[in-house]
Amino acid sequence: MKKFVDWVDNLLKDERGVASIKPVVALLGALFLGGTLICSTVTHGAVSPSSDLVNAIMVITCVGMTGDTIDKFSKKVP
């Protein structure tokens, strides 16, 4: 369990080892999208979320993941 907590802690840090908001936003967006997918398959159409809302969360998640990926592989400046 300690290794998993350390892995998540490192996942949420930027290239300098400082906590960053981009991976947090991407992780939360991915969790919300997964929850929305599960809710949409279990409930009927009247309870399903707006497609515009799902698309907005998807865009925010993709931007967060892209920004974090670029930061992870960019050249480190001292």
N, C-alpha and C. Protein backbone atom coordinates (compact mmCIF):
# COMPACT_ATOMS: atom_id res chain seq x y z
N MET A 1 0.83 -1.19 0.00
CA MET A 1 0.00 0.00 0.00
C MET A 1 0.87 1.26 0.00
N LYS A 2 1.99 1.22 0.71
CA LYS A 2 2.90 2.37 0.76
C LYS A 2 3.45 2.69 -0.62
N LYS A 3 3.76 1.66 -1.41
CA LYS A 3 4.29 1.88 -2.75
C LYS A 3 3.25 2.56 -3.62
N PHE A 4 1.98 2.18 -3.49
CA PHE A 4 0.92 2.79 -4.28
C PHE A 4 0.75 4.27 -3.91
N VAL A 5 0.79 4.57 -2.61
CA VAL A 5 0.66 5.96 -2.16
C VAL A 5 1.84 6.79 -2.67
N ASP A 6 3.04 6.24 -2.63
CA ASP A 6 4.21 6.95 -3.16
C ASP A 6 4.09 7.16 -4.67
N TRP A 7 3.57 6.16 -5.38
CA TRP A 7 3.39 6.27 -6.83
C TRP A 7 2.40 7.38 -7.16
N VAL A 8 1.28 7.43 -6.44
CA VAL A 8 0.28 8.49 -6.67
C VAL A 8 0.86 9.85 -6.32
N ASP A 9 1.63 9.91 -5.24
CA ASP A 9 2.26 11.17 -4.84
C ASP A 9 3.21 11.66 -5.93
N ASN A 10 4.02 10.77 -6.49
CA ASN A 10 4.93 11.16 -7.57
C ASN A 10 4.18 11.49 -8.85
N LEU A 11 3.04 10.86 -9.07
CA LEU A 11 2.24 11.12 -10.26
C LEU A 11 1.70 12.54 -10.26
N LEU A 12 1.41 13.06 -9.08
CA LEU A 12 0.80 14.38 -8.96
C LEU A 12 1.82 15.51 -8.82
N LYS A 13 3.09 15.21 -9.08
CA LYS A 13 4.14 16.24 -9.02
C LYS A 13 4.61 16.58 -10.42
N ASP A 14 5.15 17.79 -10.57
CA ASP A 14 5.68 18.18 -11.86
C ASP A 14 7.14 17.75 -11.98
N GLU A 15 7.82 18.25 -13.02
CA GLU A 15 9.17 17.79 -13.30
C GLU A 15 10.19 18.23 -12.25
N ARG A 16 9.84 19.25 -11.44
CA ARG A 16 10.73 19.70 -10.38
C ARG A 16 10.47 19.00 -9.05
N GLY A 17 9.45 18.15 -9.00
CA GLY A 17 9.12 17.45 -7.77
C GLY A 17 8.16 18.20 -6.88
N VAL A 18 7.54 19.25 -7.41
CA VAL A 18 6.60 20.08 -6.66
C VAL A 18 5.19 19.69 -7.08
N ALA A 19 4.26 19.68 -6.12
CA ALA A 19 2.86 19.35 -6.44
C ALA A 19 2.34 20.32 -7.50
N SER A 20 1.64 19.77 -8.49
CA SER A 20 1.13 20.57 -9.60
C SER A 20 -0.37 20.36 -9.74
N ILE A 21 -1.08 21.38 -10.18
CA ILE A 21 -2.53 21.30 -10.31
C ILE A 21 -2.95 20.56 -11.58
N LYS A 22 -2.12 20.56 -12.62
CA LYS A 22 -2.51 19.93 -13.88
C LYS A 22 -2.80 18.44 -13.75
N PRO A 23 -1.94 17.65 -13.12
CA PRO A 23 -2.28 16.23 -12.99
C PRO A 23 -3.46 15.99 -12.05
N VAL A 24 -3.65 16.87 -11.07
CA VAL A 24 -4.80 16.72 -10.17
C VAL A 24 -6.09 16.94 -10.95
N VAL A 25 -6.12 17.99 -11.77
CA VAL A 25 -7.31 18.26 -12.60
C VAL A 25 -7.54 17.13 -13.59
N ALA A 26 -6.48 16.62 -14.19
CA ALA A 26 -6.63 15.52 -15.15
C ALA A 26 -7.16 14.27 -14.46
N LEU A 27 -6.65 13.96 -13.28
CA LEU A 27 -7.10 12.78 -12.55
C LEU A 27 -8.56 12.92 -12.14
N LEU A 28 -8.93 14.07 -11.59
CA LEU A 28 -10.33 14.29 -11.19
C LEU A 28 -11.26 14.25 -12.40
N GLY A 29 -10.83 14.84 -13.51
CA GLY A 29 -11.65 14.80 -14.73
C GLY A 29 -11.84 13.38 -15.23
N ALA A 30 -10.77 12.58 -15.19
CA ALA A 30 -10.88 11.19 -15.63
C ALA A 30 -11.82 10.41 -14.71
N LEU A 31 -11.75 10.67 -13.40
CA LEU A 31 -12.66 9.99 -12.47
C LEU A 31 -14.11 10.40 -12.72
N PHE A 32 -14.35 11.69 -12.95
CA PHE A 32 -15.71 12.15 -13.24
C PHE A 32 -16.23 11.57 -14.55
N LEU A 33 -15.37 11.48 -15.57
CA LEU A 33 -15.80 10.89 -16.84
C LEU A 33 -16.13 9.41 -16.66
N GLY A 34 -15.32 8.70 -15.88
CA GLY A 34 -15.61 7.30 -15.61
C GLY A 34 -16.91 7.13 -14.84
N GLY A 35 -17.13 7.98 -13.84
CA GLY A 35 -18.39 7.95 -13.09
C GLY A 35 -19.59 8.27 -13.96
N THR A 36 -19.43 9.23 -14.86
CA THR A 36 -20.50 9.58 -15.79
C THR A 36 -20.82 8.42 -16.72
N LEU A 37 -19.79 7.73 -17.18
CA LEU A 37 -20.00 6.58 -18.05
C LEU A 37 -20.77 5.48 -17.33
N ILE A 38 -20.40 5.23 -16.10
CA ILE A 38 -21.10 4.20 -15.32
C ILE A 38 -22.54 4.61 -15.06
N CYS A 39 -22.75 5.87 -14.67
CA CYS A 39 -24.12 6.35 -14.41
C CYS A 39 -24.98 6.31 -15.68
N SER A 40 -24.40 6.63 -16.81
CA SER A 40 -25.16 6.63 -18.06
C SER A 40 -25.58 5.23 -18.47
N THR A 41 -24.76 4.24 -18.16
CA THR A 41 -25.11 2.88 -18.54
C THR A 41 -26.11 2.25 -17.59
N VAL A 42 -26.13 2.70 -16.33
CA VAL A 42 -27.00 2.10 -15.33
C VAL A 42 -28.39 2.75 -15.30
N THR A 43 -28.43 4.07 -15.47
CA THR A 43 -29.71 4.79 -15.35
C THR A 43 -30.36 4.96 -16.72
N HIS A 44 -31.60 5.40 -16.70
CA HIS A 44 -32.30 5.66 -17.96
C HIS A 44 -31.97 7.05 -18.47
N GLY A 45 -32.43 7.39 -19.65
CA GLY A 45 -32.06 8.62 -20.35
C GLY A 45 -32.43 9.90 -19.64
N ALA A 46 -33.46 9.92 -18.82
CA ALA A 46 -33.89 11.16 -18.17
C ALA A 46 -32.90 11.61 -17.10
N VAL A 47 -32.08 10.71 -16.58
CA VAL A 47 -31.15 11.04 -15.51
C VAL A 47 -29.75 11.30 -16.06
N SER A 48 -29.50 10.98 -17.30
CA SER A 48 -28.15 11.09 -17.85
C SER A 48 -27.71 12.56 -17.92
N PRO A 49 -26.41 12.81 -17.76
CA PRO A 49 -25.90 14.18 -17.78
C PRO A 49 -25.93 14.77 -19.20
N SER A 50 -25.86 16.07 -19.26
CA SER A 50 -25.85 16.77 -20.53
C SER A 50 -24.60 16.40 -21.33
N SER A 51 -24.75 16.22 -22.61
CA SER A 51 -23.59 15.89 -23.44
C SER A 51 -22.61 17.05 -23.50
N ASP A 52 -23.10 18.29 -23.40
CA ASP A 52 -22.20 19.44 -23.38
C ASP A 52 -21.33 19.43 -22.12
N LEU A 53 -21.91 19.05 -21.00
CA LEU A 53 -21.15 18.97 -19.75
C LEU A 53 -20.08 17.88 -19.84
N VAL A 54 -20.44 16.74 -20.38
CA VAL A 54 -19.48 15.64 -20.54
C VAL A 54 -18.35 16.07 -21.47
N ASN A 55 -18.68 16.75 -22.57
CA ASN A 55 -17.65 17.21 -23.50
C ASN A 55 -16.74 18.26 -22.85
N ALA A 56 -17.30 19.13 -22.02
CA ALA A 56 -16.48 20.14 -21.34
C ALA A 56 -15.50 19.48 -20.38
N ILE A 57 -15.96 18.50 -19.62
CA ILE A 57 -15.06 17.79 -18.70
C ILE A 57 -13.99 17.04 -19.49
N MET A 58 -14.37 16.48 -20.63
CA MET A 58 -13.40 15.76 -21.45
C MET A 58 -12.32 16.70 -21.97
N VAL A 59 -12.70 17.89 -22.40
CA VAL A 59 -11.72 18.85 -22.91
C VAL A 59 -10.79 19.30 -21.79
N ILE A 60 -11.34 19.60 -20.62
CA ILE A 60 -10.51 20.02 -19.49
C ILE A 60 -9.54 18.91 -19.10
N THR A 61 -10.00 17.67 -19.10
CA THR A 61 -9.14 16.53 -18.76
C THR A 61 -8.03 16.36 -19.79
N CYS A 62 -8.37 16.47 -21.06
CA CYS A 62 -7.36 16.32 -22.11
C CYS A 62 -6.32 17.43 -22.04
N VAL A 63 -6.74 18.67 -21.76
CA VAL A 63 -5.79 19.77 -21.64
C VAL A 63 -4.88 19.55 -20.44
N GLY A 64 -5.43 19.09 -19.33
CA GLY A 64 -4.61 18.82 -18.15
C GLY A 64 -3.60 17.72 -18.40
N MET A 65 -4.04 16.65 -19.06
CA MET A 65 -3.12 15.54 -19.36
C MET A 65 -2.04 15.96 -20.35
N THR A 66 -2.43 16.74 -21.35
CA THR A 66 -1.46 17.19 -22.35
C THR A 66 -0.43 18.12 -21.72
N GLY A 67 -0.90 19.06 -20.92
CA GLY A 67 0.03 19.98 -20.25
C GLY A 67 0.98 19.26 -19.33
N ASP A 68 0.47 18.28 -18.61
CA ASP A 68 1.32 17.52 -17.69
C ASP A 68 2.33 16.68 -18.46
N THR A 69 1.91 16.08 -19.55
CA THR A 69 2.82 15.26 -20.37
C THR A 69 3.93 16.12 -20.96
N ILE A 70 3.57 17.30 -21.45
CA ILE A 70 4.60 18.20 -22.00
C ILE A 70 5.58 18.59 -20.92
N ASP A 71 5.08 18.88 -19.71
CA ASP A 71 5.98 19.24 -18.61
C ASP A 71 6.91 18.09 -18.22
N LYS A 72 6.40 16.87 -18.24
CA LYS A 72 7.21 15.71 -17.84
C LYS A 72 8.38 15.48 -18.80
N PHE A 73 8.17 15.76 -20.10
CA PHE A 73 9.20 15.46 -21.08
C PHE A 73 9.93 16.70 -21.59
N SER A 74 9.63 17.86 -21.04
CA SER A 74 10.33 19.06 -21.47
C SER A 74 11.70 19.14 -20.82
N LYS A 75 12.54 19.98 -21.38
CA LYS A 75 13.89 20.15 -20.86
C LYS A 75 13.83 20.83 -19.50
N LYS A 76 14.54 20.27 -18.56
CA LYS A 76 14.56 20.82 -17.21
C LYS A 76 15.50 22.03 -17.18
N VAL A 77 14.99 23.14 -16.65
CA VAL A 77 15.79 24.36 -16.55
C VAL A 77 16.15 24.55 -15.08
N PRO A 78 17.44 24.73 -14.79
CA PRO A 78 17.84 24.88 -13.38
C PRO A 78 17.38 26.18 -12.76
